[in-house]
PDB file of N, CA and C in Angstrom:
ATOM      1  N   MET A   1     107.003  87.816  94.222  1.00  0.00           N
ATOM      2  CA  MET A   1     105.570  87.979  93.535  1.00  0.00           C
ATOM      3  C   MET A   1     105.360  89.430  94.201  1.00  0.00           C
ATOM      4  N   LEU A   2     104.752  90.401  93.427  1.00  0.00           N
ATOM      5  CA  LEU A   2     103.915  91.747  93.404  1.00  0.00           C
ATOM      6  C   LEU A   2     102.764  91.831  93.465  1.00  0.00           C
ATOM      7  N   LYS A   3     101.923  92.606  94.146  1.00  0.00           N
ATOM      8  CA  LYS A   3     100.437  93.097  94.289  1.00  0.00           C
ATOM      9  C   LYS A   3     100.503  94.287  94.794  1.00  0.00           C
ATOM     10  N   ALA A   4      99.163  94.682  93.977  1.00  0.00           N
ATOM     11  CA  ALA A   4      99.113  96.123  93.979  1.00  0.00           C
ATOM     12  C   ALA A   4      97.729  96.414  94.828  1.00  0.00           C
ATOM     13  N   THR A   5      97.393  97.346  95.810  1.00  0.00           N
ATOM     14  CA  THR A   5      96.292  97.281  96.662  1.00  0.00           C
ATOM     15  C   THR A   5      95.375  98.548  96.694  1.00  0.00           C
ATOM     16  N   GLN A   6      94.417  98.471  96.018  1.00  0.00           N
ATOM     17  CA  GLN A   6      93.440  99.349  95.714  1.00  0.00           C
ATOM     18  C   GLN A   6      93.989 100.964  95.226  1.00  0.00           C
ATOM     19  N   ASN A   7      95.178 100.903  94.743  1.00  0.00           N
ATOM     20  CA  ASN A   7      95.770 102.394  94.509  1.00  0.00           C
ATOM     21  C   ASN A   7      95.922 103.069  95.714  1.00  0.00           C
ATOM     22  N   LYS A   8      96.775 102.366  97.083  1.00  0.00           N
ATOM     23  CA  LYS A   8      96.948 103.082  98.332  1.00  0.00           C
ATOM     24  C   LYS A   8      97.939 101.974  98.795  1.00  0.00           C
ATOM     25  N   GLY A   9      98.577 101.027  98.166  1.00  0.00           N
ATOM     26  CA  GLY A   9      99.997 100.608  98.546  1.00  0.00           C
ATOM     27  C   GLY A   9     100.405  99.200  97.516  1.00  0.00           C
ATOM     28  N   PHE A  10     101.306  98.176  98.166  1.00  0.00           N
ATOM     29  CA  PHE A  10     101.670  97.166  97.455  1.00  0.00           C
ATOM     30  C   PHE A  10     102.098  96.090  98.478  1.00  0.00           C
ATOM     31  N   SER A  11     102.260  95.087  98.068  1.00  0.00           N
ATOM     32  CA  SER A  11     102.741  94.040  98.840  1.00  0.00           C
ATOM     33  C   SER A  11     104.197  93.102  97.783  1.00  0.00           C
ATOM     34  N   LEU A  12     104.755  92.718  98.731  1.00  0.00           N
ATOM     35  CA  LEU A  12     106.407  92.109  97.992  1.00  0.00           C
ATOM     36  C   LEU A  12     106.286  90.795  98.922  1.00  0.00           C
ATOM     37  N   THR A  13     106.182  89.333  97.940  1.00  0.00           N
ATOM     38  CA  THR A  13     106.518  88.179  98.669  1.00  0.00           C
ATOM     39  C   THR A  13     107.671  87.859  98.048  1.00  0.00           C
ATOM     40  N   PHE A  14     108.811  87.401  99.041  1.00  0.00           N
ATOM     41  CA  PHE A  14     110.042  86.710  98.175  1.00  0.00           C
ATOM     42  C   PHE A  14     110.184  85.607  98.225  1.00  0.00           C
ATOM     43  N   GLU A  15     111.382  85.011  97.730  1.00  0.00           N
ATOM     44  CA  GLU A  15     111.315  83.391  97.564  1.00  0.00           C
ATOM     45  C   GLU A  15     111.558  82.790  98.692  1.00  0.00           C
ATOM     46  N   ASN A  16     111.737  83.168  99.876  1.00  0.00           N
ATOM     47  CA  ASN A  16     111.835  82.998 100.997  1.00  0.00           C
ATOM     48  C   ASN A  16     110.917  82.718 101.783  1.00  0.00           C
ATOM     49  N   GLY A  17     109.612  83.392 101.441  1.00  0.00           N
ATOM     50  CA  GLY A  17     108.151  82.678 101.900  1.00  0.00           C
ATOM     51  C   GLY A  17     107.596  84.080 102.382  1.00  0.00           C
ATOM     52  N   LEU A  18     108.611  84.996 102.966  1.00  0.00           N
ATOM     53  CA  LEU A  18     107.944  86.588 103.604  1.00  0.00           C
ATOM     54  C   LEU A  18     107.422  87.393 102.872  1.00  0.00           C
ATOM     55  N   THR A  19     106.637  88.018 103.203  1.00  0.00           N
ATOM     56  CA  THR A  19     105.629  89.219 102.754  1.00  0.00           C
ATOM     57  C   THR A  19     105.736  90.359 103.535  1.00  0.00           C
ATOM     58  N   ILE A  20     106.282  91.433 102.683  1.00  0.00           N
ATOM     59  CA  ILE A  20     106.019  93.021 103.793  1.00  0.00           C
ATOM     60  C   ILE A  20     104.917  93.552 102.771  1.00  0.00           C
ATOM     61  N   SER A  21     104.050  94.014 103.321  1.00  0.00           N
ATOM     62  CA  SER A  21     102.860  95.216 102.966  1.00  0.00           C
ATOM     63  C   SER A  21     103.220  96.422 103.000  1.00  0.00           C
ATOM     64  N   VAL A  22     103.125  97.385 102.473  1.00  0.00           N
ATOM     65  CA  VAL A  22     103.527  99.012 102.462  1.00  0.00           C
ATOM     66  C   VAL A  22     101.953  99.601 101.863  1.00  0.00           C
ATOM     67  N   GLN A  23     101.416 100.081 102.910  1.00  0.00           N
ATOM     68  CA  GLN A  23     100.282 100.602 102.495  1.00  0.00           C
ATOM     69  C   GLN A  23     100.113 102.144 102.971  1.00  0.00           C
ATOM     70  N   PHE A  24      99.504 103.303 102.244  1.00  0.00           N
ATOM     71  CA  PHE A  24      99.832 104.576 102.315  1.00  0.00           C
ATOM     72  C   PHE A  24      98.563 105.179 102.107  1.00  0.00           C
ATOM     73  N   GLY A  25      97.524 104.526 102.280  1.00  0.00           N
ATOM     74  CA  GLY A  25      95.820 105.194 102.251  1.00  0.00           C
ATOM     75  C   GLY A  25      95.352 106.086 103.241  1.00  0.00           C
ATOM     76  N   THR A  26      94.128 106.050 102.978  1.00  0.00           N
ATOM     77  CA  THR A  26      93.173 106.494 104.055  1.00  0.00           C
ATOM     78  C   THR A  26      92.846 105.103 104.873  1.00  0.00           C
ATOM     79  N   MET A  27      92.952 105.616 106.538  1.00  0.00           N
ATOM     80  CA  MET A  27      92.790 104.560 107.309  1.00  0.00           C
ATOM     81  C   MET A  27      93.925 104.036 107.562  1.00  0.00           C
ATOM     82  N   ASN A  28      94.928 104.166 106.727  1.00  0.00           N
ATOM     83  CA  ASN A  28      96.199 103.271 107.186  1.00  0.00           C
ATOM     84  C   ASN A  28      97.044 104.292 107.929  1.00  0.00           C
ATOM     85  N   TYR A  29      97.978 103.584 108.990  1.00  0.00           N
ATOM     86  CA  TYR A  29      98.681 104.463 110.047  1.00  0.00           C
ATOM     87  C   TYR A  29      99.523 105.198 109.068  1.00  0.00           C
ATOM     88  N   CYS A  30      99.278 106.268 108.392  1.00  0.00           N
ATOM     89  CA  CYS A  30      99.955 107.039 107.536  1.00  0.00           C
ATOM     90  C   CYS A  30      99.511 108.681 107.765  1.00  0.00           C
ATOM     91  N   GLU A  31     100.232 109.414 106.849  1.00  0.00           N
ATOM     92  CA  GLU A  31      99.991 111.004 106.828  1.00  0.00           C
ATOM     93  C   GLU A  31      98.347 111.043 106.252  1.00  0.00           C
ATOM     94  N   ARG A  32      97.986 110.396 105.420  1.00  0.00           N
ATOM     95  CA  ARG A  32      96.362 110.190 105.034  1.00  0.00           C
ATOM     96  C   ARG A  32      95.627 109.541 105.700  1.00  0.00           C
ATOM     97  N   LYS A  33      95.895 109.196 107.147  1.00  0.00           N
ATOM     98  CA  LYS A  33      95.250 108.300 107.671  1.00  0.00           C
ATOM     99  C   LYS A  33      93.704 108.841 107.577  1.00  0.00           C
ATOM    100  N   ASN A  34      93.626 110.452 108.038  1.00  0.00           N
ATOM    101  CA  ASN A  34      92.160 111.126 108.081  1.00  0.00           C
ATOM    102  C   ASN A  34      91.546 111.332 107.316  1.00  0.00           C
ATOM    103  N   ASN A  35      92.221 111.231 105.753  1.00  0.00           N
ATOM    104  CA  ASN A  35      91.668 111.789 104.503  1.00  0.00           C
ATOM    105  C   ASN A  35      90.482 110.724 104.282  1.00  0.00           C
ATOM    106  N   PHE A  36      89.460 110.582 104.763  1.00  0.00           N
ATOM    107  CA  PHE A  36      88.412 109.529 104.668  1.00  0.00           C
ATOM    108  C   PHE A  36      87.000 110.122 104.288  1.00  0.00           C
ATOM    109  N   SER A  37      86.877 109.606 103.550  1.00  0.00           N
ATOM    110  CA  SER A  37      85.273 109.794 102.990  1.00  0.00           C
ATOM    111  C   SER A  37      84.360 108.368 102.936  1.00  0.00           C
ATOM    112  N   PRO A  38      83.425 108.417 103.564  1.00  0.00           N
ATOM    113  CA  PRO A  38      82.785 107.027 103.410  1.00  0.00           C
ATOM    114  C   PRO A  38      82.156 106.869 101.817  1.00  0.00           C
ATOM    115  N   TYR A  39      81.775 108.076 101.435  1.00  0.00           N
ATOM    116  CA  TYR A  39      81.378 108.133 100.230  1.00  0.00           C
ATOM    117  C   TYR A  39      82.463 108.208  98.620  1.00  0.00           C
ATOM    118  N   LYS A  40      83.753 107.849  99.034  1.00  0.00           N
ATOM    119  CA  LYS A  40      84.658 107.640  98.147  1.00  0.00           C
ATOM    120  C   LYS A  40      85.752 106.719  98.539  1.00  0.00           C
ATOM    121  N   SER A  41      86.077 105.978  97.641  1.00  0.00           N
ATOM    122  CA  SER A  41      87.281 105.000  97.470  1.00  0.00           C
ATOM    123  C   SER A  41      88.470 105.567  97.279  1.00  0.00           C
ATOM    124  N   GLU A  42      89.479 105.120  97.526  1.00  0.00           N
ATOM    125  CA  GLU A  42      91.194 105.602  96.758  1.00  0.00           C
ATOM    126  C   GLU A  42      90.769 105.430  95.306  1.00  0.00           C
ATOM    127  N   MET A  43      89.959 104.238  94.636  1.00  0.00           N
ATOM    128  CA  MET A  43      90.108 104.140  93.325  1.00  0.00           C
ATOM    129  C   MET A  43      89.358 105.107  92.889  1.00  0.00           C
ATOM    130  N   SER A  44      88.147 105.444  93.478  1.00  0.00           N
ATOM    131  CA  SER A  44      87.012 105.914  92.333  1.00  0.00           C
ATOM    132  C   SER A  44      87.146 107.725  92.747  1.00  0.00           C
ATOM    133  N   ASN A  45      88.123 107.995  93.041  1.00  0.00           N
ATOM    134  CA  ASN A  45      88.203 109.456  93.539  1.00  0.00           C
ATOM    135  C   ASN A  45      88.986 110.471  92.386  1.00  0.00           C
ATOM    136  N   GLY A  46      89.213 109.670  91.216  1.00  0.00           N
ATOM    137  CA  GLY A  46      89.714 110.006  89.947  1.00  0.00           C
ATOM    138  C   GLY A  46      91.006 110.231  90.154  1.00  0.00           C
ATOM    139  N   GLN A  47      91.788 110.024  91.372  1.00  0.00           N
ATOM    140  CA  GLN A  47      93.400 110.443  91.126  1.00  0.00           C
ATOM    141  C   GLN A  47      93.998 109.493  90.479  1.00  0.00           C
ATOM    142  N   ASP A  48      95.211 109.158  89.795  1.00  0.00           N
ATOM    143  CA  ASP A  48      95.706 108.352  89.085  1.00  0.00           C
ATOM    144  C   ASP A  48      97.184 107.948  90.199  1.00  0.00           C
ATOM    145  N   VAL A  49      97.693 109.048  91.039  1.00  0.00           N
ATOM    146  CA  VAL A  49      98.569 108.901  91.852  1.00  0.00           C
ATOM    147  C   VAL A  49      98.460 109.264  93.242  1.00  0.00           C
ATOM    148  N   ILE A  50      98.145 108.257  94.366  1.00  0.00           N
ATOM    149  CA  ILE A  50      98.416 108.633  95.335  1.00  0.00           C
ATOM    150  C   ILE A  50      99.578 109.281  96.354  1.00  0.00           C
ATOM    151  N   GLU A  51      99.863 109.752  97.215  1.00  0.00           N
ATOM    152  CA  GLU A  51     100.998 110.574  97.842  1.00  0.00           C
ATOM    153  C   GLU A  51     100.934 110.263  99.059  1.00  0.00           C
ATOM    154  N   SER A  52     102.005 109.818  99.510  1.00  0.00           N
ATOM    155  CA  SER A  52     102.073 109.962 101.467  1.00  0.00           C
ATOM    156  C   SER A  52     103.596 110.481 101.585  1.00  0.00           C
ATOM    157  N   GLU A  53     104.059 111.003 102.594  1.00  0.00           N
ATOM    158  CA  GLU A  53     105.481 110.843 103.254  1.00  0.00           C
ATOM    159  C   GLU A  53     106.042 109.744 103.800  1.00  0.00           C
ATOM    160  N   ASN A  54     104.544 109.078 104.401  1.00  0.00           N
ATOM    161  CA  ASN A  54     105.524 107.733 105.259  1.00  0.00           C
ATOM    162  C   ASN A  54     103.915 106.665 104.817  1.00  0.00           C
ATOM    163  N   ALA A  55     104.279 105.493 105.676  1.00  0.00           N
ATOM    164  CA  ALA A  55     103.489 104.723 105.456  1.00  0.00           C
ATOM    165  C   ALA A  55     103.202 103.590 106.384  1.00  0.00           C
ATOM    166  N   GLU A  56     102.585 102.509 106.570  1.00  0.00           N
ATOM    167  CA  GLU A  56     102.570 101.763 107.555  1.00  0.00           C
ATOM    168  C   GLU A  56     103.261 100.456 106.903  1.00  0.00           C
ATOM    169  N   ILE A  57     103.672  99.352 107.370  1.00  0.00           N
ATOM    170  CA  ILE A  57     104.039  98.334 107.194  1.00  0.00           C
ATOM    171  C   ILE A  57     103.803  97.075 107.893  1.00  0.00           C
ATOM    172  N   ALA A  58     103.444  95.865 107.540  1.00  0.00           N
ATOM    173  CA  ALA A  58     103.305  94.579 107.984  1.00  0.00           C
ATOM    174  C   ALA A  58     104.299  93.612 107.410  1.00  0.00           C
ATOM    175  N   ILE A  59     104.435  92.869 108.183  1.00  0.00           N
ATOM    176  CA  ILE A  59     105.483  91.427 107.594  1.00  0.00           C
ATOM    177  C   ILE A  59     104.603  89.881 108.059  1.00  0.00           C
ATOM    178  N   TRP A  60     104.584  88.894 107.254  1.00  0.00           N
ATOM    179  CA  TRP A  60     104.361  87.511 107.695  1.00  0.00           C
ATOM    180  C   TRP A  60     104.765  86.724 106.865  1.00  0.00           C
ATOM    181  N   ASP A  61     104.708  85.213 107.079  1.00  0.00           N
ATOM    182  CA  ASP A  61     105.338  84.439 106.648  1.00  0.00           C
ATOM    183  C   ASP A  61     104.595  83.608 105.885  1.00  0.00           C
ATOM    184  N   LYS A  62     105.034  82.667 105.304  1.00  0.00           N
ATOM    185  CA  LYS A  62     104.094  81.633 104.459  1.00  0.00           C
ATOM    186  C   LYS A  62     102.951  80.795 105.240  1.00  0.00           C
ATOM    187  N   ASP A  63     102.906  80.601 106.535  1.00  0.00           N
ATOM    188  CA  ASP A  63     102.020  80.350 107.118  1.00  0.00           C
ATOM    189  C   ASP A  63     101.094  81.490 108.038  1.00  0.00           C
ATOM    190  N   ASN A  64     101.020  82.338 107.596  1.00  0.00           N
ATOM    191  CA  ASN A  64     100.325  83.816 107.943  1.00  0.00           C
ATOM    192  C   ASN A  64     100.773  83.811 109.446  1.00  0.00           C
ATOM    193  N   ASN A  65     101.874  83.730 109.836  1.00  0.00           N
ATOM    194  CA  ASN A  65     102.253  84.140 111.224  1.00  0.00           C
ATOM    195  C   ASN A  65     102.948  85.883 111.024  1.00  0.00           C
ATOM    196  N   TRP A  66     102.280  86.576 111.664  1.00  0.00           N
ATOM    197  CA  TRP A  66     102.632  87.990 111.357  1.00  0.00           C
ATOM    198  C   TRP A  66     103.954  88.226 112.685  1.00  0.00           C
ATOM    199  N   PHE A  67     104.776  89.259 111.933  1.00  0.00           N
ATOM    200  CA  PHE A  67     106.022  89.675 112.867  1.00  0.00           C
ATOM    201  C   PHE A  67     104.946  90.903 113.866  1.00  0.00           C
ATOM    202  N   ASP A  68     105.715  90.661 114.888  1.00  0.00           N
ATOM    203  CA  ASP A  68     105.175  91.570 116.197  1.00  0.00           C
ATOM    204  C   ASP A  68     106.019  92.921 116.200  1.00  0.00           C
ATOM    205  N   PHE A  69     105.750  93.777 116.100  1.00  0.00           N
ATOM    206  CA  PHE A  69     106.461  94.993 116.171  1.00  0.00           C
ATOM    207  C   PHE A  69     107.072  95.553 118.006  1.00  0.00           C
ATOM    208  N   GLY A  70     106.429  94.838 118.232  1.00  0.00           N
ATOM    209  CA  GLY A  70     106.445  95.316 120.155  1.00  0.00           C
ATOM    210  C   GLY A  70     105.002  95.745 120.423  1.00  0.00           C
ATOM    211  N   SER A  71     104.387  96.150 119.758  1.00  0.00           N
ATOM    212  CA  SER A  71     103.020  96.499 120.647  1.00  0.00           C
ATOM    213  C   SER A  71     101.816  96.454 119.429  1.00  0.00           C
ATOM    214  N   ASP A  72     102.451  96.347 118.173  1.00  0.00           N
ATOM    215  CA  ASP A  72     101.110  95.765 116.890  1.00  0.00           C
ATOM    216  C   ASP A  72     101.780  95.004 115.766  1.00  0.00           C
ATOM    217  N   THR A  73     100.983  94.495 115.421  1.00  0.00           N
ATOM    218  CA  THR A  73     101.677  93.518 113.697  1.00  0.00           C
ATOM    219  C   THR A  73     101.749  94.838 112.509  1.00  0.00           C
ATOM    220  N   VAL A  74     101.233  95.775 113.014  1.00  0.00           N
ATOM    221  CA  VAL A  74     101.743  96.994 111.856  1.00  0.00           C
ATOM    222  C   VAL A  74     102.746  98.315 112.461  1.00  0.00           C
ATOM    223  N   LYS A  75     103.548  98.458 111.919  1.00  0.00           N
ATOM    224  CA  LYS A  75     104.419  99.920 112.127  1.00  0.00           C
ATOM    225  C   LYS A  75     103.880 100.567 111.366  1.00  0.00           C
ATOM    226  N   GLY A  76     103.902 101.868 111.639  1.00  0.00           N
ATOM    227  CA  GLY A  76     102.795 103.077 110.967  1.00  0.00           C
ATOM    228  C   GLY A  76     104.170 104.070 111.278  1.00  0.00           C
ATOM    229  N   TYR A  77     103.834 104.916 110.294  1.00  0.00           N
ATOM    230  CA  TYR A  77     104.449 106.408 109.783  1.00  0.00           C
ATOM    231  C   TYR A  77     105.852 106.189 109.796  1.00  0.00           C
ATOM    232  N   CYS A  78     106.214 105.008 108.774  1.00  0.00           N
ATOM    233  CA  CYS A  78     107.726 104.423 108.372  1.00  0.00           C
ATOM    234  C   CYS A  78     108.066 105.452 107.223  1.00  0.00           C
ATOM    235  N   SER A  79     109.214 106.082 107.343  1.00  0.00           N
ATOM    236  CA  SER A  79     109.860 106.873 106.287  1.00  0.00           C
ATOM    237  C   SER A  79     110.079 105.979 104.990  1.00  0.00           C
ATOM    238  N   THR A  80     110.523 106.536 104.025  1.00  0.00           N
ATOM    239  CA  THR A  80     110.791 105.790 102.774  1.00  0.00           C
ATOM    240  C   THR A  80     112.287 104.619 102.789  1.00  0.00           C
ATOM    241  N   ASN A  81     113.280 105.726 103.327  1.00  0.00           N
ATOM    242  CA  ASN A  81     114.430 104.942 104.181  1.00  0.00           C
ATOM    243  C   ASN A  81     114.053 103.412 104.897  1.00  0.00           C
ATOM    244  N   GLU A  82     113.282 103.788 106.054  1.00  0.00           N
ATOM    245  CA  GLU A  82     112.838 102.806 106.806  1.00  0.00           C
ATOM    246  C   GLU A  82     112.334 101.377 106.207  1.00  0.00           C
ATOM    247  N   ILE A  83     111.550 101.832 105.109  1.00  0.00           N
ATOM    248  CA  ILE A  83     110.652 101.008 104.386  1.00  0.00           C
ATOM    249  C   ILE A  83     111.238 100.271 103.496  1.00  0.00           C
ATOM    250  N   ALA A  84     112.791 100.669 103.150  1.00  0.00           N
ATOM    251  CA  ALA A  84     113.751 100.558 102.326  1.00  0.00           C
ATOM    252  C   ALA A  84     114.569  99.229 102.998  1.00  0.00           C
ATOM    253  N   GLU A  85     114.844  99.826 104.128  1.00  0.00           N
ATOM    254  CA  GLU A  85     115.532  99.236 105.242  1.00  0.00           C
ATOM    255  C   GLU A  85     115.115  97.286 105.491  1.00  0.00           C
ATOM    256  N   TRP A  86     113.681  97.679 105.652  1.00  0.00           N
ATOM    257  CA  TRP A  86     112.831  96.367 106.372  1.00  0.00           C
ATOM    258  C   TRP A  86     112.776  95.410 104.907  1.00  0.00           C
ATOM    259  N   ILE A  87     112.157  95.893 103.887  1.00  0.00           N
ATOM    260  CA  ILE A  87     112.598  95.243 102.670  1.00  0.00           C
ATOM    261  C   ILE A  87     114.008  94.758 102.252  1.00  0.00           C
ATOM    262  N   GLU A  88     115.030  95.172 102.549  1.00  0.00           N
ATOM    263  CA  GLU A  88     116.517  94.470 102.463  1.00  0.00           C
ATOM    264  C   GLU A  88     116.255  93.563 103.500  1.00  0.00           C
ATOM    265  N   LYS A  89     116.182  93.694 104.605  1.00  0.00           N
ATOM    266  CA  LYS A  89     116.239  92.801 105.689  1.00  0.00           C
ATOM    267  C   LYS A  89     115.297  91.318 105.357  1.00  0.00           C
ATOM    268  N   ILE A  90     114.147  91.554 104.859  1.00  0.00           N
ATOM    269  CA  ILE A  90     113.237  90.403 104.973  1.00  0.00           C
ATOM    270  C   ILE A  90     113.300  89.873 103.326  1.00  0.00           C
ATOM    271  N   SER A  91     113.811  90.457 102.395  1.00  0.00           N
ATOM    272  CA  SER A  91     114.356  89.774 101.276  1.00  0.00           C
ATOM    273  C   SER A  91     115.474  89.049 101.722  1.00  0.00           C
ATOM    274  N   LYS A  92     116.033  89.127 102.597  1.00  0.00           N
ATOM    275  CA  LYS A  92     117.790  88.359 102.700  1.00  0.00           C
ATOM    276  C   LYS A  92     117.460  87.579 104.170  1.00  0.00           C
ATOM    277  N   ALA A  93     116.047  87.440 104.657  1.00  0.00           N
ATOM    278  CA  ALA A  93     116.099  86.682 105.998  1.00  0.00           C
ATOM    279  C   ALA A  93     115.570  85.429 105.671  1.00  0.00           C
ATOM    280  N   ASP A  94     115.965  84.240 106.583  1.00  0.00           N
ATOM    281  CA  ASP A  94     115.549  82.912 106.661  1.00  0.00           C
ATOM    282  C   ASP A  94     114.213  82.957 106.684  1.00  0.00           C
ATOM    283  N   SER A  95     113.573  81.782 105.828  1.00  0.00           N
ATOM    284  CA  SER A  95     111.993  81.600 105.773  1.00  0.00           C
ATOM    285  C   SER A  95     111.248  81.415 107.222  1.00  0.00           C
ATOM    286  N   ASP A  96     112.040  80.873 107.970  1.00  0.00           N
ATOM    287  CA  ASP A  96     111.582  80.748 109.136  1.00  0.00           C
ATOM    288  C   ASP A  96     111.811  81.981 110.605  1.00  0.00           C
ATOM    289  N   PHE A  97     112.303  83.083 109.713  1.00  0.00           N
ATOM    290  CA  PHE A  97     112.650  84.393 110.704  1.00  0.00           C
ATOM    291  C   PHE A  97     111.451  84.646 111.648  1.00  0.00           C
ATOM    292  N   ILE A  98     110.182  84.702 111.035  1.00  0.00           N
ATOM    293  CA  ILE A  98     109.003  85.451 112.166  1.00  0.00           C
ATOM    294  C   ILE A  98     108.813  83.641 113.085  1.00  0.00           C
ATOM    295  N   SER A  99     109.016  82.545 112.949  1.00  0.00           N
ATOM    296  CA  SER A  99     108.688  81.757 113.750  1.00  0.00           C
ATOM    297  C   SER A  99     109.839  81.832 114.703  1.00  0.00           C
ATOM    298  N   LYS A 100     111.160  81.851 114.163  1.00  0.00           N
ATOM    299  CA  LYS A 100     112.236  82.159 115.444  1.00  0.00           C
ATOM    300  C   LYS A 100     112.025  83.531 116.405  1.00  0.00           C
ATOM    301  N   LEU A 101     111.574  84.253 115.752  1.00  0.00           N
ATOM    302  CA  LEU A 101     111.259  85.336 116.792  1.00  0.00           C
ATOM    303  C   LEU A 101     109.819  85.268 117.578  1.00  0.00           C
ATOM    304  N   ILE A 102     108.828  84.574 116.929  1.00  0.00           N
ATOM    305  CA  ILE A 102     107.463  84.354 117.978  1.00  0.00           C
ATOM    306  C   ILE A 102     108.195  83.220 118.997  1.00  0.00           C
ATOM    307  N   ASP A 103     108.801  82.273 118.510  1.00  0.00           N
ATOM    308  CA  ASP A 103     109.526  81.397 119.479  1.00  0.00           C
ATOM    309  C   ASP A 103     110.237  82.066 120.744  1.00  0.00           C
ATOM    310  N   LEU A 104     111.352  83.041 120.622  1.00  0.00           N
ATOM    311  CA  LEU A 104     112.076  83.679 121.338  1.00  0.00           C
ATOM    312  C   LEU A 104     110.957  84.946 121.986  1.00  0.00           C
ATOM    313  N   GLN A 105     109.996  85.494 121.380  1.00  0.00           N
ATOM    314  CA  GLN A 105     109.071  86.090 122.186  1.00  0.00           C
ATOM    315  C   GLN A 105     108.501  85.306 123.334  1.00  0.00           C
ATOM    316  N   ASN A 106     107.850  84.360 122.760  1.00  0.00           N
ATOM    317  CA  ASN A 106     107.164  83.069 124.055  1.00  0.00           C
ATOM    318  C   ASN A 106     108.215  82.771 124.876  1.00  0.00           C
ATOM    319  N   GLU A 107     109.422  82.460 124.874  1.00  0.00           N
ATOM    320  CA  GLU A 107     110.511  81.896 125.781  1.00  0.00           C
ATOM    321  C   GLU A 107     110.652  83.021 126.686  1.00  0.00           C
ATOM    322  N   SER A 108     110.371  84.300 126.149  1.00  0.00           N
ATOM    323  CA  SER A 108     111.147  85.714 127.101  1.00  0.00           C
ATOM    324  C   SER A 108     109.759  85.558 127.914  1.00  0.00           C
ATOM    325  N   GLU A 109     108.348  85.654 127.555  1.00  0.00           N
ATOM    326  CA  GLU A 109     107.109  85.578 128.136  1.00  0.00           C
ATOM    327  C   GLU A 109     107.218  84.716 129.260  1.00  0.00           C
ATOM    328  N   LEU A 110     107.605  83.367 128.806  1.00  0.00           N
ATOM    329  CA  LEU A 110     107.457  82.565 129.801  1.00  0.00           C
ATOM    330  C   LEU A 110     108.651  82.416 130.964  1.00  0.00           C
ATOM    331  N   ASN A 111     109.979  83.155 130.716  1.00  0.00           N
ATOM    332  CA  ASN A 111     110.609  83.305 131.852  1.00  0.00           C
ATOM    333  C   ASN A 111     110.546  84.716 132.584  1.00  0.00           C
ATOM    334  N   GLY A 112     109.470  85.402 132.225  1.00  0.00           N
ATOM    335  CA  GLY A 112     108.648  86.744 132.546  1.00  0.00           C
ATOM    336  C   GLY A 112     107.603  86.154 133.817  1.00  0.00           C
ATOM    337  N   LEU A 113     106.961  85.080 133.425  1.00  0.00           N
ATOM    338  CA  LEU A 113     106.453  84.320 134.224  1.00  0.00           C
ATOM    339  C   LEU A 113     106.803  83.698 135.359  1.00  0.00           C
ATOM    340  N   GLU A 114     107.943  82.798 135.084  1.00  0.00           N
ATOM    341  CA  GLU A 114     108.684  82.159 135.786  1.00  0.00           C
ATOM    342  C   GLU A 114     109.134  83.148 136.807  1.00  0.00           C
ATOM    343  N   ASN A 115     109.913  84.198 136.415  1.00  0.00           N
ATOM    344  CA  ASN A 115     110.563  85.027 137.244  1.00  0.00           C
ATOM    345  C   ASN A 115     109.465  86.046 138.236  1.00  0.00           C
ATOM    346  N   GLN A 116     108.567  86.194 137.886  1.00  0.00           N
ATOM    347  CA  GLN A 116     107.114  86.406 138.794  1.00  0.00           C
ATOM    348  C   GLN A 116     106.578  85.549 139.825  1.00  0.00           C
ATOM    349  N   SER A 117     106.762  84.165 139.721  1.00  0.00           N
ATOM    350  CA  SER A 117     106.063  83.561 140.540  1.00  0.00           C
ATOM    351  C   SER A 117     107.530  83.012 141.630  1.00  0.00           C
ATOM    352  N   ASN A 118     108.477  83.071 140.980  1.00  0.00           N
ATOM    353  CA  ASN A 118     109.970  82.883 142.068  1.00  0.00           C
ATOM    354  C   ASN A 118     109.790  84.005 143.046  1.00  0.00           C
ATOM    355  N   GLU A 119     109.430  85.032 142.557  1.00  0.00           N
ATOM    356  CA  GLU A 119     109.451  86.401 143.254  1.00  0.00           C
ATOM    357  C   GLU A 119     108.485  86.262 144.585  1.00  0.00           C
ATOM    358  N   GLN A 120     107.365  85.603 144.285  1.00  0.00           N
ATOM    359  CA  GLN A 120     106.420  85.646 145.333  1.00  0.00           C
ATOM    360  C   GLN A 120     106.561  84.611 146.643  1.00  0.00           C
TER     361      GLN A 120
END
């Protein structure tokens, strides 16, 4: 499935149930971030084409579990090559890709807590 977002981005949902969002408008983590006017939207400014050298991405699964890039569920200022690499990874991943990563992250956090309590 393909979706367009207010003339500032798009999302792709693959057969495996994973979705990647690519956004490059004002208020997104990209070179256009600060091109914001509270009086004009991207759609109403008369521009047919919005351009940006980079974009933010977000990834989630069919159960609305979001991929964590380490510090946030959004990764900003991605180049077109990096976006293409993520699209390829997500399109070929298992449907439970994000759930596995969440489980690994939770297990890692638990191990970290156990190590802290053993040190005391």
